[in-house]
Amino acid sequence: MKTIVNRQGVLLLATLIATMTLMSFALASKIEHNLYTKRKDHNAIINADKELLTVINVITPKEGQQGQIVASLQKGMTQTMRHQPGFISANIHKSLDSEHVIVYAQWKDAAALEAAVQLIQAGKAPNMLQVFSNSTPDYHPYDVISVNLPTEKK
């Protein structure tokens, strides 16, 4: 039995195979990128070698308001602050022996922090404004001087 294959058919088939191969590589790359960017295990990194602005804010809520302050901080961080240019990370700590709340935040630089403060003052971050209206914040910028980690036991 004789099979007749014309050149156009071979060329079309080769083009189709090449296109499908390229598309599968592109799709695999996109899936890998999405898996990385949507990971739930991102962690803040404290590093003395990085030139970041670290801000530690000791917040003293009005009596009995610690839970509300923590909830508003969490909403403010997830809904507004983390989307601001220059935002690196913010970690909220609730005191176990007092009403205090600590926010350990990292920003690219002082200008990024100042822009965030202006955003809050302009009323464009209502959850953050609520926090500062119902507490006494005391924040200061810091440089990370050193990070000390445990050594491996041998």
N, C-alpha and C. Protein backbone atom coordinates (compact mmCIF):
# COMPACT_ATOMS: atom_id res chain seq x y z
N MET A 1 0.84 -1.17 0.00
CA MET A 1 0.00 0.00 0.00
C MET A 1 0.89 1.23 0.00
N LYS A 2 0.60 2.15 -0.81
CA LYS A 2 1.41 3.34 -0.98
C LYS A 2 0.73 4.52 -0.29
N THR A 3 1.52 5.25 0.54
CA THR A 3 0.99 6.44 1.21
C THR A 3 1.54 7.67 0.52
N ILE A 4 0.65 8.56 0.21
CA ILE A 4 1.07 9.79 -0.46
C ILE A 4 0.94 10.92 0.55
N VAL A 5 2.08 11.58 0.83
CA VAL A 5 2.10 12.71 1.75
C VAL A 5 2.66 13.90 0.98
N ASN A 6 1.92 14.97 0.99
CA ASN A 6 2.43 16.14 0.28
C ASN A 6 3.24 17.03 1.21
N ARG A 7 4.02 17.89 0.62
CA ARG A 7 4.90 18.77 1.40
C ARG A 7 4.12 19.70 2.31
N GLN A 8 3.02 20.22 1.86
CA GLN A 8 2.23 21.12 2.67
C GLN A 8 1.73 20.42 3.93
N GLY A 9 1.32 19.20 3.82
CA GLY A 9 0.85 18.43 4.97
C GLY A 9 1.96 18.22 6.00
N VAL A 10 3.16 17.88 5.52
CA VAL A 10 4.31 17.68 6.42
C VAL A 10 4.66 18.99 7.11
N LEU A 11 4.71 20.07 6.36
CA LEU A 11 5.04 21.38 6.91
C LEU A 11 4.00 21.81 7.95
N LEU A 12 2.74 21.60 7.65
CA LEU A 12 1.66 21.94 8.58
C LEU A 12 1.78 21.12 9.86
N LEU A 13 2.04 19.83 9.71
CA LEU A 13 2.19 18.96 10.87
C LEU A 13 3.39 19.37 11.73
N ALA A 14 4.52 19.68 11.11
CA ALA A 14 5.72 20.12 11.83
C ALA A 14 5.46 21.43 12.56
N THR A 15 4.78 22.35 11.93
CA THR A 15 4.45 23.64 12.55
C THR A 15 3.53 23.44 13.74
N LEU A 16 2.56 22.57 13.60
CA LEU A 16 1.63 22.27 14.68
C LEU A 16 2.35 21.66 15.88
N ILE A 17 3.24 20.73 15.62
CA ILE A 17 4.01 20.09 16.71
C ILE A 17 4.89 21.12 17.41
N ALA A 18 5.58 21.96 16.64
CA ALA A 18 6.45 22.99 17.22
C ALA A 18 5.65 23.97 18.06
N THR A 19 4.50 24.39 17.57
CA THR A 19 3.65 25.33 18.30
C THR A 19 3.16 24.72 19.60
N MET A 20 2.72 23.48 19.56
CA MET A 20 2.24 22.81 20.77
C MET A 20 3.36 22.64 21.79
N THR A 21 4.57 22.34 21.32
CA THR A 21 5.71 22.19 22.22
C THR A 21 6.03 23.51 22.90
N LEU A 22 6.08 24.60 22.13
CA LEU A 22 6.35 25.92 22.71
C LEU A 22 5.26 26.33 23.69
N MET A 23 4.02 26.05 23.36
CA MET A 23 2.92 26.40 24.26
C MET A 23 3.00 25.61 25.55
N SER A 24 3.41 24.36 25.49
CA SER A 24 3.50 23.55 26.71
C SER A 24 4.62 24.07 27.60
N PHE A 25 5.75 24.52 27.00
CA PHE A 25 6.83 25.11 27.80
C PHE A 25 6.36 26.41 28.44
N ALA A 26 5.66 27.24 27.69
CA ALA A 26 5.16 28.51 28.21
C ALA A 26 4.17 28.27 29.35
N LEU A 27 3.28 27.30 29.18
CA LEU A 27 2.30 26.99 30.21
C LEU A 27 2.99 26.46 31.47
N ALA A 28 3.96 25.58 31.30
CA ALA A 28 4.70 25.05 32.46
C ALA A 28 5.42 26.16 33.20
N SER A 29 6.00 27.09 32.47
CA SER A 29 6.70 28.23 33.08
C SER A 29 5.72 29.10 33.85
N LYS A 30 4.54 29.36 33.29
CA LYS A 30 3.54 30.18 33.95
C LYS A 30 3.03 29.50 35.21
N ILE A 31 2.81 28.20 35.15
CA ILE A 31 2.36 27.46 36.33
C ILE A 31 3.40 27.53 37.42
N GLU A 32 4.67 27.34 37.08
CA GLU A 32 5.75 27.41 38.07
C GLU A 32 5.80 28.80 38.69
N HIS A 33 5.67 29.85 37.87
CA HIS A 33 5.69 31.22 38.38
C HIS A 33 4.53 31.45 39.34
N ASN A 34 3.33 31.00 38.98
CA ASN A 34 2.17 31.19 39.83
C ASN A 34 2.31 30.43 41.15
N LEU A 35 2.87 29.25 41.11
CA LEU A 35 3.08 28.49 42.34
C LEU A 35 4.02 29.24 43.27
N TYR A 36 5.06 29.87 42.71
CA TYR A 36 6.00 30.61 43.54
C TYR A 36 5.38 31.87 44.11
N THR A 37 4.69 32.64 43.27
CA THR A 37 4.17 33.93 43.72
C THR A 37 2.95 33.80 44.61
N LYS A 38 2.27 32.65 44.59
CA LYS A 38 1.08 32.49 45.42
C LYS A 38 1.34 31.57 46.61
N ARG A 39 2.60 31.33 46.93
CA ARG A 39 2.92 30.50 48.07
C ARG A 39 2.41 31.14 49.35
N LYS A 40 2.02 30.33 50.28
CA LYS A 40 1.52 30.82 51.56
C LYS A 40 2.64 30.90 52.61
N ASP A 41 3.84 30.42 52.28
CA ASP A 41 4.89 30.34 53.28
C ASP A 41 5.93 31.44 53.17
N HIS A 42 5.56 32.59 52.59
CA HIS A 42 6.49 33.70 52.56
C HIS A 42 6.75 34.16 53.98
N ASN A 43 7.99 34.46 54.29
CA ASN A 43 8.34 34.93 55.62
C ASN A 43 9.11 36.23 55.52
N ALA A 44 8.96 37.07 56.53
CA ALA A 44 9.77 38.28 56.62
C ALA A 44 11.21 37.85 56.89
N ILE A 45 12.12 38.58 56.33
CA ILE A 45 13.53 38.27 56.51
C ILE A 45 14.19 39.45 57.21
N ILE A 46 14.84 39.19 58.32
CA ILE A 46 15.59 40.22 59.02
C ILE A 46 17.04 40.01 58.65
N ASN A 47 17.64 41.03 58.05
CA ASN A 47 18.99 40.90 57.53
C ASN A 47 19.75 42.19 57.77
N ALA A 48 20.87 42.11 58.47
CA ALA A 48 21.66 43.30 58.77
C ALA A 48 22.37 43.84 57.53
N ASP A 49 22.52 43.04 56.47
CA ASP A 49 23.21 43.48 55.27
C ASP A 49 22.31 44.27 54.32
N LYS A 50 21.01 44.16 54.49
CA LYS A 50 20.08 44.86 53.60
C LYS A 50 19.90 46.29 54.08
N GLU A 51 19.78 47.19 53.12
CA GLU A 51 19.53 48.58 53.46
C GLU A 51 18.04 48.84 53.40
N LEU A 52 17.35 48.48 54.45
CA LEU A 52 15.91 48.68 54.59
C LEU A 52 15.67 49.57 55.80
N LEU A 53 14.53 50.20 55.81
CA LEU A 53 14.13 50.97 56.97
C LEU A 53 13.24 50.07 57.83
N THR A 54 13.66 49.83 59.04
CA THR A 54 12.88 49.04 59.98
C THR A 54 12.16 49.99 60.93
N VAL A 55 10.89 49.77 61.13
CA VAL A 55 10.11 50.60 62.04
C VAL A 55 9.50 49.69 63.09
N ILE A 56 9.72 50.04 64.35
CA ILE A 56 9.10 49.30 65.45
C ILE A 56 8.12 50.26 66.11
N ASN A 57 6.85 49.85 66.13
CA ASN A 57 5.79 50.69 66.66
C ASN A 57 5.19 49.99 67.88
N VAL A 58 5.35 50.61 69.04
CA VAL A 58 4.74 50.10 70.27
C VAL A 58 3.41 50.83 70.41
N ILE A 59 2.33 50.09 70.28
CA ILE A 59 0.99 50.66 70.31
C ILE A 59 0.35 50.34 71.66
N THR A 60 -0.10 51.38 72.33
CA THR A 60 -0.81 51.21 73.59
C THR A 60 -2.28 51.51 73.35
N PRO A 61 -3.11 50.47 73.24
CA PRO A 61 -4.54 50.67 72.99
C PRO A 61 -5.24 51.26 74.22
N LYS A 62 -6.37 51.90 73.97
CA LYS A 62 -7.22 52.29 75.08
C LYS A 62 -7.63 51.01 75.80
N GLU A 63 -7.92 51.09 77.08
CA GLU A 63 -8.21 49.91 77.89
C GLU A 63 -9.29 49.03 77.25
N GLY A 64 -8.98 47.74 77.16
CA GLY A 64 -9.91 46.76 76.62
C GLY A 64 -10.00 46.73 75.10
N GLN A 65 -9.16 47.47 74.42
CA GLN A 65 -9.23 47.59 72.96
C GLN A 65 -8.17 46.76 72.21
N GLN A 66 -7.37 45.97 72.90
CA GLN A 66 -6.28 45.25 72.24
C GLN A 66 -6.78 44.38 71.10
N GLY A 67 -7.82 43.61 71.32
CA GLY A 67 -8.35 42.72 70.27
C GLY A 67 -8.81 43.51 69.05
N GLN A 68 -9.50 44.62 69.27
CA GLN A 68 -9.97 45.45 68.16
C GLN A 68 -8.80 46.08 67.42
N ILE A 69 -7.78 46.51 68.15
CA ILE A 69 -6.60 47.11 67.52
C ILE A 69 -5.90 46.07 66.65
N VAL A 70 -5.73 44.86 67.16
CA VAL A 70 -5.09 43.79 66.39
C VAL A 70 -5.90 43.49 65.12
N ALA A 71 -7.21 43.38 65.25
CA ALA A 71 -8.07 43.10 64.09
C ALA A 71 -7.97 44.22 63.06
N SER A 72 -8.00 45.47 63.51
CA SER A 72 -7.89 46.60 62.57
C SER A 72 -6.52 46.66 61.92
N LEU A 73 -5.49 46.35 62.67
CA LEU A 73 -4.14 46.31 62.09
C LEU A 73 -4.06 45.25 61.00
N GLN A 74 -4.59 44.07 61.29
CA GLN A 74 -4.55 43.00 60.29
C GLN A 74 -5.29 43.40 59.03
N LYS A 75 -6.46 43.99 59.17
CA LYS A 75 -7.22 44.44 58.00
C LYS A 75 -6.47 45.54 57.26
N GLY A 76 -5.94 46.49 58.02
CA GLY A 76 -5.20 47.59 57.40
C GLY A 76 -3.98 47.12 56.63
N MET A 77 -3.28 46.15 57.17
CA MET A 77 -2.09 45.63 56.49
C MET A 77 -2.48 44.87 55.23
N THR A 78 -3.49 44.00 55.32
CA THR A 78 -3.84 43.17 54.16
C THR A 78 -4.60 43.93 53.10
N GLN A 79 -5.43 44.89 53.50
CA GLN A 79 -6.24 45.61 52.52
C GLN A 79 -5.54 46.82 51.91
N THR A 80 -4.63 47.46 52.66
CA THR A 80 -4.07 48.72 52.18
C THR A 80 -2.55 48.75 52.19
N MET A 81 -1.96 48.59 53.35
CA MET A 81 -0.53 48.88 53.51
C MET A 81 0.37 48.00 52.66
N ARG A 82 0.09 46.72 52.58
CA ARG A 82 0.98 45.84 51.83
C ARG A 82 0.99 46.12 50.33
N HIS A 83 0.04 46.92 49.86
CA HIS A 83 -0.03 47.28 48.45
C HIS A 83 0.71 48.58 48.14
N GLN A 84 1.28 49.21 49.17
CA GLN A 84 1.93 50.50 48.97
C GLN A 84 3.35 50.31 48.43
N PRO A 85 3.77 51.21 47.54
CA PRO A 85 5.15 51.13 47.01
C PRO A 85 6.16 51.23 48.16
N GLY A 86 7.14 50.36 48.13
CA GLY A 86 8.19 50.37 49.14
C GLY A 86 7.89 49.55 50.38
N PHE A 87 6.68 48.99 50.48
CA PHE A 87 6.34 48.13 51.62
C PHE A 87 7.07 46.80 51.46
N ILE A 88 7.72 46.36 52.52
CA ILE A 88 8.43 45.07 52.50
C ILE A 88 7.67 44.04 53.33
N SER A 89 7.42 44.35 54.59
CA SER A 89 6.70 43.42 55.46
C SER A 89 6.24 44.13 56.72
N ALA A 90 5.27 43.52 57.39
CA ALA A 90 4.82 44.02 58.69
C ALA A 90 4.39 42.81 59.52
N ASN A 91 4.86 42.76 60.73
CA ASN A 91 4.55 41.67 61.65
C ASN A 91 3.87 42.25 62.87
N ILE A 92 2.73 41.71 63.22
CA ILE A 92 1.95 42.20 64.35
C ILE A 92 2.15 41.25 65.52
N HIS A 93 2.49 41.84 66.68
CA HIS A 93 2.72 41.06 67.90
C HIS A 93 1.76 41.55 68.98
N LYS A 94 1.06 40.63 69.61
CA LYS A 94 0.13 40.95 70.70
C LYS A 94 0.78 40.54 72.02
N SER A 95 0.87 41.49 72.94
CA SER A 95 1.46 41.20 74.24
C SER A 95 0.61 40.19 75.01
N LEU A 96 1.27 39.30 75.73
CA LEU A 96 0.57 38.32 76.55
C LEU A 96 0.38 38.80 77.98
N ASP A 97 1.14 39.84 78.37
CA ASP A 97 1.06 40.29 79.76
C ASP A 97 0.61 41.75 79.91
N SER A 98 0.18 42.35 78.81
CA SER A 98 -0.31 43.73 78.87
C SER A 98 -1.21 43.97 77.67
N GLU A 99 -1.68 45.18 77.50
CA GLU A 99 -2.53 45.53 76.37
C GLU A 99 -1.72 45.94 75.14
N HIS A 100 -0.41 46.00 75.24
CA HIS A 100 0.43 46.49 74.14
C HIS A 100 0.35 45.61 72.89
N VAL A 101 0.55 46.27 71.76
CA VAL A 101 0.66 45.61 70.47
C VAL A 101 1.92 46.18 69.82
N ILE A 102 2.73 45.32 69.24
CA ILE A 102 3.96 45.76 68.57
C ILE A 102 3.82 45.46 67.08
N VAL A 103 4.21 46.42 66.27
CA VAL A 103 4.29 46.19 64.82
C VAL A 103 5.75 46.36 64.43
N TYR A 104 6.31 45.30 63.88
CA TYR A 104 7.67 45.32 63.36
C TYR A 104 7.52 45.37 61.84
N ALA A 105 7.86 46.51 61.25
CA ALA A 105 7.64 46.70 59.81
C ALA A 105 8.94 47.04 59.09
N GLN A 106 9.01 46.67 57.83
CA GLN A 106 10.16 46.98 57.00
C GLN A 106 9.67 47.72 55.76
N TRP A 107 10.35 48.80 55.44
CA TRP A 107 10.05 49.62 54.28
C TRP A 107 11.32 49.81 53.48
N LYS A 108 11.16 50.08 52.20
CA LYS A 108 12.32 50.29 51.32
C LYS A 108 13.16 51.45 51.82
N ASP A 109 12.50 52.54 52.20
CA ASP A 109 13.23 53.72 52.67
C ASP A 109 12.28 54.67 53.39
N ALA A 110 12.81 55.78 53.90
CA ALA A 110 12.01 56.74 54.65
C ALA A 110 10.92 57.38 53.78
N ALA A 111 11.20 57.58 52.51
CA ALA A 111 10.20 58.18 51.61
C ALA A 111 8.98 57.28 51.47
N ALA A 112 9.18 55.97 51.39
CA ALA A 112 8.06 55.03 51.29
C ALA A 112 7.23 55.05 52.57
N LEU A 113 7.90 55.11 53.70
CA LEU A 113 7.18 55.19 54.98
C LEU A 113 6.40 56.50 55.06
N GLU A 114 7.02 57.60 54.68
CA GLU A 114 6.34 58.90 54.72
C GLU A 114 5.10 58.92 53.82
N ALA A 115 5.19 58.30 52.66
CA ALA A 115 4.04 58.22 51.76
C ALA A 115 2.90 57.43 52.42
N ALA A 116 3.24 56.37 53.15
CA ALA A 116 2.22 55.58 53.85
C ALA A 116 1.58 56.39 54.97
N VAL A 117 2.39 57.14 55.70
CA VAL A 117 1.87 57.99 56.78
C VAL A 117 0.90 59.02 56.20
N GLN A 118 1.27 59.63 55.08
CA GLN A 118 0.40 60.62 54.43
C GLN A 118 -0.92 59.98 53.96
N LEU A 119 -0.83 58.74 53.49
CA LEU A 119 -2.02 58.01 53.06
C LEU A 119 -2.98 57.84 54.24
N ILE A 120 -2.43 57.48 55.40
CA ILE A 120 -3.24 57.30 56.60
C ILE A 120 -3.85 58.63 57.03
N GLN A 121 -3.01 59.67 57.05
CA GLN A 121 -3.48 60.99 57.48
C GLN A 121 -4.56 61.54 56.54
N ALA A 122 -4.51 61.17 55.28
CA ALA A 122 -5.50 61.62 54.31
C ALA A 122 -6.80 60.82 54.40
N GLY A 123 -6.86 59.82 55.29
CA GLY A 123 -8.07 59.03 55.47
C GLY A 123 -8.24 57.93 54.44
N LYS A 124 -7.17 57.61 53.69
CA LYS A 124 -7.27 56.60 52.64
C LYS A 124 -6.90 55.19 53.13
N ALA A 125 -6.67 55.05 54.43
CA ALA A 125 -6.42 53.75 55.04
C ALA A 125 -7.25 53.71 56.33
N PRO A 126 -8.59 53.55 56.20
CA PRO A 126 -9.47 53.71 57.35
C PRO A 126 -9.18 52.77 58.52
N ASN A 127 -8.76 51.56 58.25
CA ASN A 127 -8.45 50.64 59.36
C ASN A 127 -7.24 51.13 60.15
N MET A 128 -6.25 51.64 59.45
CA MET A 128 -5.06 52.16 60.12
C MET A 128 -5.40 53.43 60.90
N LEU A 129 -6.25 54.26 60.34
CA LEU A 129 -6.69 55.48 61.02
C LEU A 129 -7.44 55.11 62.29
N GLN A 130 -8.25 54.06 62.24
CA GLN A 130 -8.99 53.60 63.41
C GLN A 130 -8.02 53.14 64.50
N VAL A 131 -6.95 52.45 64.11
CA VAL A 131 -5.95 52.00 65.07
C VAL A 131 -5.36 53.19 65.81
N PHE A 132 -4.92 54.19 65.05
CA PHE A 132 -4.23 55.32 65.66
C PHE A 132 -5.19 56.26 66.39
N SER A 133 -6.48 56.16 66.12
CA SER A 133 -7.47 56.96 66.84
C SER A 133 -7.82 56.34 68.19
N ASN A 134 -7.63 55.04 68.33
CA ASN A 134 -7.98 54.33 69.56
C ASN A 134 -6.78 53.80 70.32
N SER A 135 -5.63 54.42 70.09
CA SER A 135 -4.43 53.98 70.79
C SER A 135 -3.41 55.11 70.80
N THR A 136 -2.34 54.86 71.51
CA THR A 136 -1.22 55.78 71.50
C THR A 136 -0.05 55.06 70.83
N PRO A 137 0.26 55.42 69.59
CA PRO A 137 1.39 54.78 68.91
C PRO A 137 2.71 55.46 69.30
N ASP A 138 3.76 54.69 69.32
CA ASP A 138 5.10 55.22 69.58
C ASP A 138 6.05 54.47 68.66
N TYR A 139 6.29 55.05 67.47
CA TYR A 139 7.13 54.34 66.51
C TYR A 139 8.42 55.09 66.23
N HIS A 140 9.45 54.30 65.95
CA HIS A 140 10.77 54.85 65.68
C HIS A 140 11.43 54.02 64.58
N PRO A 141 12.24 54.68 63.73
CA PRO A 141 12.99 53.94 62.70
C PRO A 141 14.27 53.34 63.29
N TYR A 142 14.67 52.20 62.73
CA TYR A 142 15.87 51.50 63.22
C TYR A 142 16.67 50.95 62.05
N ASP A 143 17.97 50.76 62.29
CA ASP A 143 18.84 49.97 61.41
C ASP A 143 19.04 48.63 62.09
N VAL A 144 18.97 47.54 61.34
CA VAL A 144 19.28 46.22 61.90
C VAL A 144 20.80 46.11 61.97
N ILE A 145 21.33 45.92 63.15
CA ILE A 145 22.77 45.85 63.36
C ILE A 145 23.28 44.42 63.23
N SER A 146 22.55 43.47 63.82
CA SER A 146 22.98 42.08 63.71
C SER A 146 21.79 41.16 63.87
N VAL A 147 21.96 39.96 63.33
CA VAL A 147 20.95 38.90 63.46
C VAL A 147 21.69 37.71 64.04
N ASN A 148 21.20 37.17 65.12
CA ASN A 148 21.87 36.05 65.79
C ASN A 148 20.96 34.83 65.76
N LEU A 149 21.46 33.78 65.16
CA LEU A 149 20.71 32.53 65.00
C LEU A 149 21.43 31.41 65.73
N PRO A 150 20.72 30.35 66.12
CA PRO A 150 21.39 29.24 66.77
C PRO A 150 22.33 28.51 65.82
N THR A 151 23.33 27.89 66.38
CA THR A 151 24.24 27.09 65.57
C THR A 151 23.73 25.65 65.54
N GLU A 152 24.18 24.91 64.53
CA GLU A 152 23.80 23.50 64.48
C GLU A 152 24.59 22.73 65.51
N LYS A 153 23.90 21.84 66.20
CA LYS A 153 24.59 21.01 67.20
C LYS A 153 25.27 19.88 66.47
N LYS A 154 26.48 19.57 66.89
CA LYS A 154 27.24 18.49 66.25
C LYS A 154 27.31 17.28 67.13
